[in-house]
Amino acid sequence: MIIEKRTYTFHPGKVQEFLALYEADGLALHTKYLPMIGYFVSEIGTLNQVVTMWGYESMQQRDELRAKLYADPEWIAFGPKTTPFIQNMETVILRPTSFSPIR
């Protein structure tokens, strides 16, 4: 298993507005294609961040599922609605150790 961790940094005061838009218009579509592990907001440390985690069996599965998502006309239309909120985005692929409870 691999985990894709995405960290979005939003303009101050925009996290709740983004979350409302995402929950109403993006969540069902996103999870139609991608296996969500969790969706989080920062409370201590760097503020105005949303961290998402997605789980895949392999990089190949990740690439295939993301290609399907990115080809969906509804997702293509949804994406531009979110970009005005985002200052920065970081993606990290995490591979579990041999002793990790999640493998």
PDB file of N, CA and C in Angstrom:
ATOM      1  N   MET A   1       0.832  -1.177   0.000  1.00  0.00           N
ATOM      2  CA  MET A   1       0.000   0.000   0.000  1.00  0.00           C
ATOM      3  C   MET A   1       0.880   1.245   0.000  1.00  0.00           C
ATOM      4  N   ILE A   2       0.407   2.281  -0.673  1.00  0.00           N
ATOM      5  CA  ILE A   2       1.029   3.591  -0.567  1.00  0.00           C
ATOM      6  C   ILE A   2      -0.042   4.582  -0.130  1.00  0.00           C
ATOM      7  N   ILE A   3       0.398   5.654   0.498  1.00  0.00           N
ATOM      8  CA  ILE A   3      -0.507   6.716   0.909  1.00  0.00           C
ATOM      9  C   ILE A   3      -0.051   7.996   0.233  1.00  0.00           C
ATOM     10  N   GLU A   4      -0.996   8.658  -0.381  1.00  0.00           N
ATOM     11  CA  GLU A   4      -0.728   9.970  -0.959  1.00  0.00           C
ATOM     12  C   GLU A   4      -1.247  11.012   0.026  1.00  0.00           C
ATOM     13  N   LYS A   5      -0.336  11.831   0.510  1.00  0.00           N
ATOM     14  CA  LYS A   5      -0.688  12.905   1.441  1.00  0.00           C
ATOM     15  C   LYS A   5      -0.606  14.215   0.682  1.00  0.00           C
ATOM     16  N   ARG A   6      -1.715  14.937   0.657  1.00  0.00           N
ATOM     17  CA  ARG A   6      -1.747  16.234  -0.013  1.00  0.00           C
ATOM     18  C   ARG A   6      -2.027  17.304   1.033  1.00  0.00           C
ATOM     19  N   THR A   7      -1.202  18.331   1.040  1.00  0.00           N
ATOM     20  CA  THR A   7      -1.383  19.445   1.967  1.00  0.00           C
ATOM     21  C   THR A   7      -1.669  20.696   1.157  1.00  0.00           C
ATOM     22  N   TYR A   8      -2.828  21.279   1.431  1.00  0.00           N
ATOM     23  CA  TYR A   8      -3.240  22.507   0.772  1.00  0.00           C
ATOM     24  C   TYR A   8      -3.167  23.640   1.790  1.00  0.00           C
ATOM     25  N   THR A   9      -2.506  24.728   1.439  1.00  0.00           N
ATOM     26  CA  THR A   9      -2.489  25.921   2.267  1.00  0.00           C
ATOM     27  C   THR A   9      -3.406  26.944   1.606  1.00  0.00           C
ATOM     28  N   PHE A  10      -4.365  27.439   2.385  1.00  0.00           N
ATOM     29  CA  PHE A  10      -5.386  28.349   1.864  1.00  0.00           C
ATOM     30  C   PHE A  10      -5.124  29.781   2.288  1.00  0.00           C
ATOM     31  N   HIS A  11      -5.693  30.696   1.549  1.00  0.00           N
ATOM     32  CA  HIS A  11      -5.659  32.095   1.961  1.00  0.00           C
ATOM     33  C   HIS A  11      -6.361  32.208   3.312  1.00  0.00           C
ATOM     34  N   PRO A  12      -5.874  33.055   4.209  1.00  0.00           N
ATOM     35  CA  PRO A  12      -6.484  33.184   5.531  1.00  0.00           C
ATOM     36  C   PRO A  12      -7.997  33.420   5.436  1.00  0.00           C
ATOM     37  N   GLY A  13      -8.718  32.686   6.269  1.00  0.00           N
ATOM     38  CA  GLY A  13     -10.166  32.823   6.330  1.00  0.00           C
ATOM     39  C   GLY A  13     -10.936  32.063   5.269  1.00  0.00           C
ATOM     40  N   LYS A  14     -10.260  31.294   4.430  1.00  0.00           N
ATOM     41  CA  LYS A  14     -10.935  30.617   3.311  1.00  0.00           C
ATOM     42  C   LYS A  14     -11.152  29.120   3.509  1.00  0.00           C
ATOM     43  N   VAL A  15     -10.622  28.540   4.585  1.00  0.00           N
ATOM     44  CA  VAL A  15     -10.729  27.089   4.769  1.00  0.00           C
ATOM     45  C   VAL A  15     -12.184  26.651   4.868  1.00  0.00           C
ATOM     46  N   GLN A  16     -12.968  27.301   5.717  1.00  0.00           N
ATOM     47  CA  GLN A  16     -14.360  26.876   5.904  1.00  0.00           C
ATOM     48  C   GLN A  16     -15.181  27.046   4.633  1.00  0.00           C
ATOM     49  N   GLU A  17     -14.928  28.106   3.903  1.00  0.00           N
ATOM     50  CA  GLU A  17     -15.626  28.317   2.631  1.00  0.00           C
ATOM     51  C   GLU A  17     -15.273  27.209   1.631  1.00  0.00           C
ATOM     52  N   PHE A  18     -13.986  26.862   1.574  1.00  0.00           N
ATOM     53  CA  PHE A  18     -13.559  25.768   0.703  1.00  0.00           C
ATOM     54  C   PHE A  18     -14.214  24.455   1.117  1.00  0.00           C
ATOM     55  N   LEU A  19     -14.184  24.142   2.429  1.00  0.00           N
ATOM     56  CA  LEU A  19     -14.748  22.874   2.904  1.00  0.00           C
ATOM     57  C   LEU A  19     -16.235  22.760   2.578  1.00  0.00           C
ATOM     58  N   ALA A  20     -16.970  23.847   2.710  1.00  0.00           N
ATOM     59  CA  ALA A  20     -18.402  23.827   2.376  1.00  0.00           C
ATOM     60  C   ALA A  20     -18.599  23.541   0.891  1.00  0.00           C
ATOM     61  N   LEU A  21     -17.812  24.197   0.034  1.00  0.00           N
ATOM     62  CA  LEU A  21     -17.889  23.957  -1.409  1.00  0.00           C
ATOM     63  C   LEU A  21     -17.508  22.517  -1.740  1.00  0.00           C
ATOM     64  N   TYR A  22     -16.412  22.045  -1.155  1.00  0.00           N
ATOM     65  CA  TYR A  22     -15.942  20.687  -1.427  1.00  0.00           C
ATOM     66  C   TYR A  22     -16.969  19.649  -0.982  1.00  0.00           C
ATOM     67  N   GLU A  23     -17.504  19.812   0.211  1.00  0.00           N
ATOM     68  CA  GLU A  23     -18.477  18.836   0.715  1.00  0.00           C
ATOM     69  C   GLU A  23     -19.730  18.810  -0.161  1.00  0.00           C
ATOM     70  N   ALA A  24     -20.175  19.974  -0.612  1.00  0.00           N
ATOM     71  CA  ALA A  24     -21.389  20.053  -1.423  1.00  0.00           C
ATOM     72  C   ALA A  24     -21.180  19.571  -2.861  1.00  0.00           C
ATOM     73  N   ASP A  25     -20.049  19.929  -3.459  1.00  0.00           N
ATOM     74  CA  ASP A  25     -19.876  19.705  -4.901  1.00  0.00           C
ATOM     75  C   ASP A  25     -18.748  18.767  -5.311  1.00  0.00           C
ATOM     76  N   GLY A  26     -17.790  18.504  -4.422  1.00  0.00           N
ATOM     77  CA  GLY A  26     -16.624  17.727  -4.835  1.00  0.00           C
ATOM     78  C   GLY A  26     -16.448  16.387  -4.159  1.00  0.00           C
ATOM     79  N   LEU A  27     -16.890  16.266  -2.931  1.00  0.00           N
ATOM     80  CA  LEU A  27     -16.608  15.065  -2.138  1.00  0.00           C
ATOM     81  C   LEU A  27     -17.118  13.782  -2.791  1.00  0.00           C
ATOM     82  N   ALA A  28     -18.381  13.737  -3.145  1.00  0.00           N
ATOM     83  CA  ALA A  28     -18.942  12.502  -3.728  1.00  0.00           C
ATOM     84  C   ALA A  28     -18.237  12.131  -5.023  1.00  0.00           C
ATOM     85  N   LEU A  29     -17.929  13.127  -5.823  1.00  0.00           N
ATOM     86  CA  LEU A  29     -17.239  12.872  -7.088  1.00  0.00           C
ATOM     87  C   LEU A  29     -15.814  12.384  -6.843  1.00  0.00           C
ATOM     88  N   HIS A  30     -15.119  13.022  -5.911  1.00  0.00           N
ATOM     89  CA  HIS A  30     -13.748  12.649  -5.582  1.00  0.00           C
ATOM     90  C   HIS A  30     -13.682  11.205  -5.092  1.00  0.00           C
ATOM     91  N   THR A  31     -14.553  10.868  -4.145  1.00  0.00           N
ATOM     92  CA  THR A  31     -14.522   9.528  -3.552  1.00  0.00           C
ATOM     93  C   THR A  31     -15.164   8.468  -4.455  1.00  0.00           C
ATOM     94  N   LYS A  32     -15.793   8.888  -5.523  1.00  0.00           N
ATOM     95  CA  LYS A  32     -16.257   7.934  -6.541  1.00  0.00           C
ATOM     96  C   LYS A  32     -15.054   7.231  -7.177  1.00  0.00           C
ATOM     97  N   TYR A  33     -13.937   7.954  -7.264  1.00  0.00           N
ATOM     98  CA  TYR A  33     -12.739   7.436  -7.920  1.00  0.00           C
ATOM     99  C   TYR A  33     -11.614   7.081  -6.949  1.00  0.00           C
ATOM    100  N   LEU A  34     -11.420   7.882  -5.905  1.00  0.00           N
ATOM    101  CA  LEU A  34     -10.247   7.726  -5.048  1.00  0.00           C
ATOM    102  C   LEU A  34     -10.622   7.222  -3.661  1.00  0.00           C
ATOM    103  N   PRO A  35      -9.816   6.301  -3.104  1.00  0.00           N
ATOM    104  CA  PRO A  35     -10.076   5.738  -1.776  1.00  0.00           C
ATOM    105  C   PRO A  35      -9.526   6.639  -0.658  1.00  0.00           C
ATOM    106  N   MET A  36     -10.426   7.400  -0.045  1.00  0.00           N
ATOM    107  CA  MET A  36     -10.024   8.347   0.993  1.00  0.00           C
ATOM    108  C   MET A  36      -9.706   7.637   2.307  1.00  0.00           C
ATOM    109  N   ILE A  37      -8.569   8.010   2.894  1.00  0.00           N
ATOM    110  CA  ILE A  37      -8.207   7.559   4.239  1.00  0.00           C
ATOM    111  C   ILE A  37      -8.647   8.596   5.253  1.00  0.00           C
ATOM    112  N   GLY A  38      -8.465   9.879   4.935  1.00  0.00           N
ATOM    113  CA  GLY A  38      -8.865  10.923   5.857  1.00  0.00           C
ATOM    114  C   GLY A  38      -8.758  12.305   5.247  1.00  0.00           C
ATOM    115  N   TYR A  39      -9.445  13.248   5.874  1.00  0.00           N
ATOM    116  CA  TYR A  39      -9.492  14.640   5.443  1.00  0.00           C
ATOM    117  C   TYR A  39      -9.407  15.470   6.710  1.00  0.00           C
ATOM    118  N   PHE A  40      -8.398  16.324   6.832  1.00  0.00           N
ATOM    119  CA  PHE A  40      -8.090  16.978   8.099  1.00  0.00           C
ATOM    120  C   PHE A  40      -7.868  18.477   7.916  1.00  0.00           C
ATOM    121  N   VAL A  41      -8.059  19.239   8.999  1.00  0.00           N
ATOM    122  CA  VAL A  41      -7.699  20.659   9.026  1.00  0.00           C
ATOM    123  C   VAL A  41      -6.665  20.865  10.121  1.00  0.00           C
ATOM    124  N   SER A  42      -5.786  21.845   9.915  1.00  0.00           N
ATOM    125  CA  SER A  42      -4.755  22.132  10.906  1.00  0.00           C
ATOM    126  C   SER A  42      -5.325  23.016  12.015  1.00  0.00           C
ATOM    127  N   GLU A  43      -4.885  22.757  13.242  1.00  0.00           N
ATOM    128  CA  GLU A  43      -5.313  23.576  14.377  1.00  0.00           C
ATOM    129  C   GLU A  43      -4.137  24.144  15.142  1.00  0.00           C
ATOM    130  N   ILE A  44      -2.996  23.489  15.067  1.00  0.00           N
ATOM    131  CA  ILE A  44      -1.774  23.946  15.718  1.00  0.00           C
ATOM    132  C   ILE A  44      -0.663  23.841  14.689  1.00  0.00           C
ATOM    133  N   GLY A  45       0.271  24.773  14.732  1.00  0.00           N
ATOM    134  CA  GLY A  45       1.336  24.797  13.734  1.00  0.00           C
ATOM    135  C   GLY A  45       0.936  25.704  12.601  1.00  0.00           C
ATOM    136  N   THR A  46       1.230  25.313  11.376  1.00  0.00           N
ATOM    137  CA  THR A  46       0.840  26.120  10.221  1.00  0.00           C
ATOM    138  C   THR A  46      -0.672  26.065  10.079  1.00  0.00           C
ATOM    139  N   LEU A  47      -1.288  27.222  10.114  1.00  0.00           N
ATOM    140  CA  LEU A  47      -2.754  27.291  10.043  1.00  0.00           C
ATOM    141  C   LEU A  47      -3.222  27.427   8.597  1.00  0.00           C
ATOM    142  N   ASN A  48      -4.525  27.373   8.431  1.00  0.00           N
ATOM    143  CA  ASN A  48      -5.156  27.505   7.107  1.00  0.00           C
ATOM    144  C   ASN A  48      -4.744  26.378   6.175  1.00  0.00           C
ATOM    145  N   GLN A  49      -4.572  25.175   6.744  1.00  0.00           N
ATOM    146  CA  GLN A  49      -4.212  24.029   5.918  1.00  0.00           C
ATOM    147  C   GLN A  49      -5.272  22.937   5.996  1.00  0.00           C
ATOM    148  N   VAL A  50      -5.414  22.250   4.875  1.00  0.00           N
ATOM    149  CA  VAL A  50      -6.219  21.030   4.788  1.00  0.00           C
ATOM    150  C   VAL A  50      -5.262  19.940   4.328  1.00  0.00           C
ATOM    151  N   VAL A  51      -5.280  18.810   5.034  1.00  0.00           N
ATOM    152  CA  VAL A  51      -4.439  17.667   4.688  1.00  0.00           C
ATOM    153  C   VAL A  51      -5.357  16.514   4.319  1.00  0.00           C
ATOM    154  N   THR A  52      -5.126  15.945   3.139  1.00  0.00           N
ATOM    155  CA  THR A  52      -5.914  14.798   2.700  1.00  0.00           C
ATOM    156  C   THR A  52      -4.992  13.592   2.565  1.00  0.00           C
ATOM    157  N   MET A  53      -5.551  12.421   2.792  1.00  0.00           N
ATOM    158  CA  MET A  53      -4.779  11.183   2.653  1.00  0.00           C
ATOM    159  C   MET A  53      -5.614  10.188   1.852  1.00  0.00           C
ATOM    160  N   TRP A  54      -4.960   9.613   0.835  1.00  0.00           N
ATOM    161  CA  TRP A  54      -5.600   8.670  -0.083  1.00  0.00           C
ATOM    162  C   TRP A  54      -4.761   7.401  -0.112  1.00  0.00           C
ATOM    163  N   GLY A  55      -5.408   6.242  -0.074  1.00  0.00           N
ATOM    164  CA  GLY A  55      -4.688   4.972  -0.039  1.00  0.00           C
ATOM    165  C   GLY A  55      -4.818   4.197  -1.330  1.00  0.00           C
ATOM    166  N   TYR A  56      -3.688   3.650  -1.781  1.00  0.00           N
ATOM    167  CA  TYR A  56      -3.651   2.877  -3.028  1.00  0.00           C
ATOM    168  C   TYR A  56      -2.832   1.612  -2.826  1.00  0.00           C
ATOM    169  N   GLU A  57      -3.143   0.609  -3.603  1.00  0.00           N
ATOM    170  CA  GLU A  57      -2.379  -0.635  -3.560  1.00  0.00           C
ATOM    171  C   GLU A  57      -1.008  -0.467  -4.217  1.00  0.00           C
ATOM    172  N   SER A  58      -0.911   0.461  -5.183  1.00  0.00           N
ATOM    173  CA  SER A  58       0.344   0.654  -5.918  1.00  0.00           C
ATOM    174  C   SER A  58       0.320   2.011  -6.608  1.00  0.00           C
ATOM    175  N   MET A  59       1.473   2.433  -7.126  1.00  0.00           N
ATOM    176  CA  MET A  59       1.529   3.665  -7.911  1.00  0.00           C
ATOM    177  C   MET A  59       0.720   3.505  -9.200  1.00  0.00           C
ATOM    178  N   GLN A  60       0.728   2.307  -9.749  1.00  0.00           N
ATOM    179  CA  GLN A  60      -0.053   2.065 -10.966  1.00  0.00           C
ATOM    180  C   GLN A  60      -1.536   2.292 -10.699  1.00  0.00           C
ATOM    181  N   GLN A  61      -2.044   1.761  -9.570  1.00  0.00           N
ATOM    182  CA  GLN A  61      -3.452   1.975  -9.245  1.00  0.00           C
ATOM    183  C   GLN A  61      -3.733   3.466  -9.052  1.00  0.00           C
ATOM    184  N   ARG A  62      -2.828   4.157  -8.358  1.00  0.00           N
ATOM    185  CA  ARG A  62      -2.995   5.600  -8.158  1.00  0.00           C
ATOM    186  C   ARG A  62      -3.108   6.313  -9.499  1.00  0.00           C
ATOM    187  N   ASP A  63      -2.176   6.015 -10.404  1.00  0.00           N
ATOM    188  CA  ASP A  63      -2.174   6.666 -11.709  1.00  0.00           C
ATOM    189  C   ASP A  63      -3.459   6.376 -12.483  1.00  0.00           C
ATOM    190  N   GLU A  64      -3.917   5.140 -12.441  1.00  0.00           N
ATOM    191  CA  GLU A  64      -5.139   4.755 -13.160  1.00  0.00           C
ATOM    192  C   GLU A  64      -6.366   5.459 -12.591  1.00  0.00           C
ATOM    193  N   LEU A  65      -6.499   5.472 -11.254  1.00  0.00           N
ATOM    194  CA  LEU A  65      -7.665   6.097 -10.635  1.00  0.00           C
ATOM    195  C   LEU A  65      -7.663   7.607 -10.831  1.00  0.00           C
ATOM    196  N   ARG A  66      -6.488   8.222 -10.698  1.00  0.00           N
ATOM    197  CA  ARG A  66      -6.410   9.674 -10.898  1.00  0.00           C
ATOM    198  C   ARG A  66      -6.694  10.029 -12.362  1.00  0.00           C
ATOM    199  N   ALA A  67      -6.271   9.205 -13.298  1.00  0.00           N
ATOM    200  CA  ALA A  67      -6.562   9.460 -14.714  1.00  0.00           C
ATOM    201  C   ALA A  67      -8.074   9.437 -14.961  1.00  0.00           C
ATOM    202  N   LYS A  68      -8.771   8.500 -14.340  1.00  0.00           N
ATOM    203  CA  LYS A  68     -10.233   8.444 -14.476  1.00  0.00           C
ATOM    204  C   LYS A  68     -10.889   9.686 -13.876  1.00  0.00           C
ATOM    205  N   LEU A  69     -10.416  10.093 -12.696  1.00  0.00           N
ATOM    206  CA  LEU A  69     -10.947  11.296 -12.063  1.00  0.00           C
ATOM    207  C   LEU A  69     -10.725  12.517 -12.951  1.00  0.00           C
ATOM    208  N   TYR A  70      -9.501  12.682 -13.426  1.00  0.00           N
ATOM    209  CA  TYR A  70      -9.155  13.862 -14.218  1.00  0.00           C
ATOM    210  C   TYR A  70      -9.836  13.882 -15.585  1.00  0.00           C
ATOM    211  N   ALA A  71     -10.366  12.751 -16.040  1.00  0.00           N
ATOM    212  CA  ALA A  71     -11.090  12.694 -17.310  1.00  0.00           C
ATOM    213  C   ALA A  71     -12.582  12.973 -17.141  1.00  0.00           C
ATOM    214  N   ASP A  72     -13.062  12.991 -15.911  1.00  0.00           N
ATOM    215  CA  ASP A  72     -14.491  13.189 -15.654  1.00  0.00           C
ATOM    216  C   ASP A  72     -14.854  14.661 -15.883  1.00  0.00           C
ATOM    217  N   PRO A  73     -15.805  14.938 -16.752  1.00  0.00           N
ATOM    218  CA  PRO A  73     -16.183  16.324 -17.035  1.00  0.00           C
ATOM    219  C   PRO A  73     -16.656  17.091 -15.795  1.00  0.00           C
ATOM    220  N   GLU A  74     -17.301  16.408 -14.877  1.00  0.00           N
ATOM    221  CA  GLU A  74     -17.744  17.088 -13.653  1.00  0.00           C
ATOM    222  C   GLU A  74     -16.549  17.526 -12.811  1.00  0.00           C
ATOM    223  N   TRP A  75     -15.502  16.676 -12.736  1.00  0.00           N
ATOM    224  CA  TRP A  75     -14.306  17.052 -11.977  1.00  0.00           C
ATOM    225  C   TRP A  75     -13.561  18.189 -12.678  1.00  0.00           C
ATOM    226  N   ILE A  76     -13.504  18.123 -13.978  1.00  0.00           N
ATOM    227  CA  ILE A  76     -12.862  19.185 -14.757  1.00  0.00           C
ATOM    228  C   ILE A  76     -13.559  20.518 -14.485  1.00  0.00           C
ATOM    229  N   ALA A  77     -14.876  20.509 -14.378  1.00  0.00           N
ATOM    230  CA  ALA A  77     -15.636  21.733 -14.107  1.00  0.00           C
ATOM    231  C   ALA A  77     -15.489  22.178 -12.652  1.00  0.00           C
ATOM    232  N   PHE A  78     -15.322  21.227 -11.732  1.00  0.00           N
ATOM    233  CA  PHE A  78     -15.214  21.561 -10.307  1.00  0.00           C
ATOM    234  C   PHE A  78     -13.870  22.198  -9.967  1.00  0.00           C
ATOM    235  N   GLY A  79     -12.785  21.713 -10.538  1.00  0.00           N
ATOM    236  CA  GLY A  79     -11.440  22.174 -10.184  1.00  0.00           C
ATOM    237  C   GLY A  79     -11.260  23.680 -10.146  1.00  0.00           C
ATOM    238  N   PRO A  80     -11.645  24.401 -11.194  1.00  0.00           N
ATOM    239  CA  PRO A  80     -11.439  25.848 -11.199  1.00  0.00           C
ATOM    240  C   PRO A  80     -12.195  26.592 -10.088  1.00  0.00           C
ATOM    241  N   LYS A  81     -13.221  25.982  -9.533  1.00  0.00           N
ATOM    242  CA  LYS A  81     -13.954  26.618  -8.429  1.00  0.00           C
ATOM    243  C   LYS A  81     -13.103  26.683  -7.161  1.00  0.00           C
ATOM    244  N   THR A  82     -12.124  25.787  -7.050  1.00  0.00           N
ATOM    245  CA  THR A  82     -11.330  25.707  -5.825  1.00  0.00           C
ATOM    246  C   THR A  82     -10.029  26.505  -5.875  1.00  0.00           C
ATOM    247  N   THR A  83      -9.511  26.736  -7.055  1.00  0.00           N
ATOM    248  CA  THR A  83      -8.183  27.348  -7.156  1.00  0.00           C
ATOM    249  C   THR A  83      -8.077  28.741  -6.536  1.00  0.00           C
ATOM    250  N   PRO A  84      -9.115  29.574  -6.526  1.00  0.00           N
ATOM    251  CA  PRO A  84      -8.956  30.884  -5.894  1.00  0.00           C
ATOM    252  C   PRO A  84      -8.703  30.816  -4.381  1.00  0.00           C
ATOM    253  N   PHE A  85      -9.022  29.705  -3.759  1.00  0.00           N
ATOM    254  CA  PHE A  85      -8.834  29.555  -2.316  1.00  0.00           C
ATOM    255  C   PHE A  85      -7.395  29.162  -1.952  1.00  0.00           C
ATOM    256  N   ILE A  86      -6.687  28.514  -2.883  1.00  0.00           N
ATOM    257  CA  ILE A  86      -5.426  27.833  -2.572  1.00  0.00           C
ATOM    258  C   ILE A  86      -4.211  28.728  -2.806  1.00  0.00           C
ATOM    259  N   GLN A  87      -3.340  28.791  -1.799  1.00  0.00           N
ATOM    260  CA  GLN A  87      -2.058  29.487  -1.933  1.00  0.00           C
ATOM    261  C   GLN A  87      -0.968  28.523  -2.400  1.00  0.00           C
ATOM    262  N   ASN A  88      -0.987  27.295  -1.836  1.00  0.00           N
ATOM    263  CA  ASN A  88       0.086  26.337  -2.089  1.00  0.00           C
ATOM    264  C   ASN A  88      -0.459  24.921  -1.952  1.00  0.00           C
ATOM    265  N   MET A  89       0.176  24.005  -2.669  1.00  0.00           N
ATOM    266  CA  MET A  89      -0.198  22.596  -2.573  1.00  0.00           C
ATOM    267  C   MET A  89       1.063  21.754  -2.598  1.00  0.00           C
ATOM    268  N   GLU A  90       1.096  20.740  -1.735  1.00  0.00           N
ATOM    269  CA  GLU A  90       2.235  19.819  -1.686  1.00  0.00           C
ATOM    270  C   GLU A  90       1.699  18.397  -1.696  1.00  0.00           C
ATOM    271  N   THR A  91       2.302  17.544  -2.505  1.00  0.00           N
ATOM    272  CA  THR A  91       1.926  16.137  -2.558  1.00  0.00           C
ATOM    273  C   THR A  91       3.134  15.292  -2.171  1.00  0.00           C
ATOM    274  N   VAL A  92       2.893  14.316  -1.285  1.00  0.00           N
ATOM    275  CA  VAL A  92       3.940  13.403  -0.833  1.00  0.00           C
ATOM    276  C   VAL A  92       3.393  11.982  -0.945  1.00  0.00           C
ATOM    277  N   ILE A  93       4.197  11.075  -1.478  1.00  0.00           N
ATOM    278  CA  ILE A  93       3.832   9.653  -1.504  1.00  0.00           C
ATOM    279  C   ILE A  93       4.563   8.979  -0.349  1.00  0.00           C
ATOM    280  N   LEU A  94       3.803   8.301   0.503  1.00  0.00           N
ATOM    281  CA  LEU A  94       4.354   7.622   1.676  1.00  0.00           C
ATOM    282  C   LEU A  94       4.268   6.117   1.480  1.00  0.00           C
ATOM    283  N   ARG A  95       5.355   5.430   1.736  1.00  0.00           N
ATOM    284  CA  ARG A  95       5.393   3.966   1.689  1.00  0.00           C
ATOM    285  C   ARG A  95       5.582   3.468   3.113  1.00  0.00           C
ATOM    286  N   PRO A  96       4.797   2.493   3.524  1.00  0.00           N
ATOM    287  CA  PRO A  96       4.903   2.022   4.905  1.00  0.00           C
ATOM    288  C   PRO A  96       6.175   1.204   5.137  1.00  0.00           C
ATOM    289  N   THR A  97       6.652   1.257   6.357  1.00  0.00           N
ATOM    290  CA  THR A  97       7.773   0.403   6.768  1.00  0.00           C
ATOM    291  C   THR A  97       7.273  -1.005   6.978  1.00  0.00           C
ATOM    292  N   SER A  98       8.176  -1.948   7.164  1.00  0.00           N
ATOM    293  CA  SER A  98       7.790  -3.342   7.374  1.00  0.00           C
ATOM    294  C   SER A  98       7.008  -3.541   8.658  1.00  0.00           C
ATOM    295  N   PHE A  99       7.157  -2.638   9.628  1.00  0.00           N
ATOM    296  CA  PHE A  99       6.464  -2.783  10.917  1.00  0.00           C
ATOM    297  C   PHE A  99       5.277  -1.849  11.078  1.00  0.00           C
ATOM    298  N   SER A 100       4.906  -1.142  10.019  1.00  0.00           N
ATOM    299  CA  SER A 100       3.776  -0.208  10.080  1.00  0.00           C
ATOM    300  C   SER A 100       2.461  -0.976  10.194  1.00  0.00           C
ATOM    301  N   PRO A 101       1.531  -0.511  11.057  1.00  0.00           N
ATOM    302  CA  PRO A 101       0.214  -1.164  11.133  1.00  0.00           C
ATOM    303  C   PRO A 101      -0.545  -1.072   9.802  1.00  0.00           C
ATOM    304  N   ILE A 102      -0.294  -0.010   9.040  1.00  0.00           N
ATOM    305  CA  ILE A 102      -0.881   0.116   7.713  1.00  0.00           C
ATOM    306  C   ILE A 102       0.174  -0.334   6.716  1.00  0.00           C
ATOM    307  N   ARG A 103      -0.100  -1.393   5.976  1.00  0.00           N
ATOM    308  CA  ARG A 103       0.847  -1.915   4.984  1.00  0.00           C
ATOM    309  C   ARG A 103       0.138  -2.073   3.685  1.00  0.00           C
TER     310      ARG A 103
END
